[in-house]
Amino acid sequence: MLVSALIERKRDGDELAPGEWREVVSSYVAGLVPDYQMSALLMAVVWRGLTPEELRALAGAMLDSGARLRWDGIDRPVVDKHSTGGVGDKTSLLLAPMLAACDVAVPMISGRGLGHTGGTLDKLEAIPGFRTRLTLPEATAQVRRIGAAMLGQTDEICPADQKLYALRDVTGTVPSVPLIAASIMSKKLAEGLDALVLDVKRGSGAFLTDDPRAIGLARTMIALGEAAGCHTIAVVTAMDRPLGHACGNALEVEEAIAGLRGEGPTDLMTVTCALGRELLRASGVAADATAAQARLDEVLRSGAALDRFRQIVEAQGGNPGIVDDPGALPQSTRRAVYEAPIGGVIMSVAPRPIGHGVIKLGGGRTRLGDEVDPSVGFVITVKPGQHVSRDEPLATIHARDDAGLTAGRRALDEAITIGEAGAPLPLVSHRITARWEEVLA
């Protein structure tokens, strides 16, 4: 196989055969194809796209690069969710224990921060001692015992996606429908799921900012899931502002704990419950949306969801004390309040500058292997459309030094605009299945 010839053909818009995709992926995992050549091929895909047959071949090659979870004899439906990426999106931290408390099995394989967006693994690893690198036997045993495990892609699980995911993060090849679809679906299908819900983001902070591309991604992933025998549903949600208030790893864990106590921000709980309702219906645990919401409300009200989160943390080596005392999470050494420079209406809280600001504070990566400071970030207490007065507190910057505070202020200056009117996107706008598309707002 001459990789440079494959790059040239894809660059020129030609189709690669399924066998060629399998060979180039397996060779990359084996270290026979260098990063610079794979980066060039990925960029060609960004520009030229993939045919449906190429996409199935790429996703299949990534799936077949590792092992799969097996659920013989399990007495509960096996489900999961995935978000296409956002700022402040900590729904996974709430949804896994909520669903587990509803007697659904959740083997949640997640990723790290990608581009300007945060990653579930980085958030979990803000919990002192929490171990996201589980073997397949460890993960399956934990799911059978307590209903959920939250882990990353080890060498056993889709190693091709693990390598490609990290490479895309630093080579400008993230915003591509086929690459996003293949990445998400390869690792989700490796979980052996009965049902999957996709949280597809749209808006200025999403990788795909416009509705047609976001909905196209949803349909692409649904087709891959259904073809593999996994009932797949997509919910399109807004990412023209951060989800919730907290942006930054430890801060988001603390907000997720508040959500499990029934004290989370309204927008965060709305999106989390919309995803949870879909999975309880798709798995047959609830007959309809009303019954599904009642189950979710009950596990939050009774404390069962919070207790299940505590069990997950303890099972994976983390300090369960953070559930009762979030102050045990990593804390920033410097903090500053950001105030409104003028009075008016919040027109926007742009997610991209916020996400990039977290990275500049040290809470994300600019190169492969960068260490992440889990304590830094922002707590932004305003939303678009909200009236504010001059000098009113809008956010708190959590930094490790004075330079971080300065960088945080610059990020907020860019992100938050105040004027006379604001019109945010509907929080949950579409529900898409293999058979129909429903416009919710």
Foldseek 3Di string as FASTA:
>chain_A
DDLVVVLVCLLVQHADALVVLLVVLLCVLVVNDDLVSVLSSLVSCQVRNHDLRNLLSNLVSLLVQAAFADDPPQPAAEEEEEELFAFLQPLRLQQQLLVLLLVHAYEAEWDADAALGGTNVLLQPLFPFFAQDDDSVLSNVVCSVRRYAYHYADSRASSSLVVVRQSCRQSVSSLGLSNSLSSVQSRVVSHVHQEYEYAQEEDQGGSHHDDVSSVVSQLSNQVSQVVSNHFYKYWYFYRQAHQFFWGFRLRSSLLSLCVLLVRHDPLNVVVSLVRQLVVCCSRVSAVHSVRSSVSSVVCSPVSSSLVSSLVNQVSRGGDSVCSVPVVSRDAFPDKDFDWAQAWAFWAGQGRSLQSVLLVVLQQHDNHPPRDGDRHWGKGADDHGGDTDHGRHTGMMGGHRDPVSVVSNNVSRVVRTDGDHHYDGDHGTAWMDGNPDIDGPD
